[in-house]
């Protein structure tokens, strides 16, 4: 589309045809206006065929798209996105499509981005704030992120997600919470998690101790730990003792800036979507038992777009690390 000051904007094209209508030769008018004869003839021909409407820029969109994804496949991709709330890589693997094709389909239908959706209900929510600055440490173990994800416990026989809110017996309320202590390596995204009954300092210290041993088994030495300002991380003597015993540097995020700890926050969201709320569990023990297999899948098989579509273990010693 031409800009307002172009030589042949719609107003200039009208002047062109007016000169030609006065009886002057098309070639002479083209020379005076500094355009080619071909261009002058094109606009004169369009004016004769369509009138003033022919002098308006036409859309450059093709009239036909023979290689466009068929509507039924687009519908399947959109339905799977709605039901699973997963990205193009996952949807493409299930439907036998290319991830880029799924991405174009979702954009074409103006499907909201995953970050704009509530991970549990799928409703569109407005993000409060995001930082434009992204960082990644250059080797495994340089920095690990730690956090706690709080989940309501499931009664035996299943909760409201299985039976519906109106069918849940009142006697099964108030079961308390599971506290999922999560750890993730900044460079490789290899994750570690444990479920506990609390988020006290001694519990967090034990999780960190075992996480350090877990990464050591992969040949990774933890150098730094970053967390939010929860009491267990900032004021617990037990947690600090583990930090000092391993010579680790401890860092805290700026208050009210959770995006600084964004990698573990994203892990918590993925963990909730793909494990905690992925199935209508029939008991709390069943959900607990499902965490370890899901973590194995996350570390060994799940493609991670943040690291170029690789699985996290591929980044440990260039894929030579032994996962235990």
Foldseek 3Di string as FASTA:
>chain_A
DDDPPDLQQLVNLVVLLVVVVVPDDLCVSCVVSVHHSVVSVCSNVLCVVPNSVSSHDDDPDDPDDPPQDDPVVLVQLVVCCQQQVDALVVSCVVSVHDSVNSVVSCVVVVPDHSVQADLQPRDGHDDPDDDPDDDFDDAWQAEKEKDKDKADFAAAQFACVVVNPVPGDPVPPDPAIKIKIKMATRHLRQIDIDIDRDDALLVNLVRVVVVQVQVVLQVHHHAEYEYEDDCSCPPDPSNVVSCVVSNHHYYYDDPPCCCVSVSVVVVSSCCCSVQVNVDRDNGRVVSNVRPVVVSCCQQQPAQDVVNPGDRSCCRRVNNPGDHD
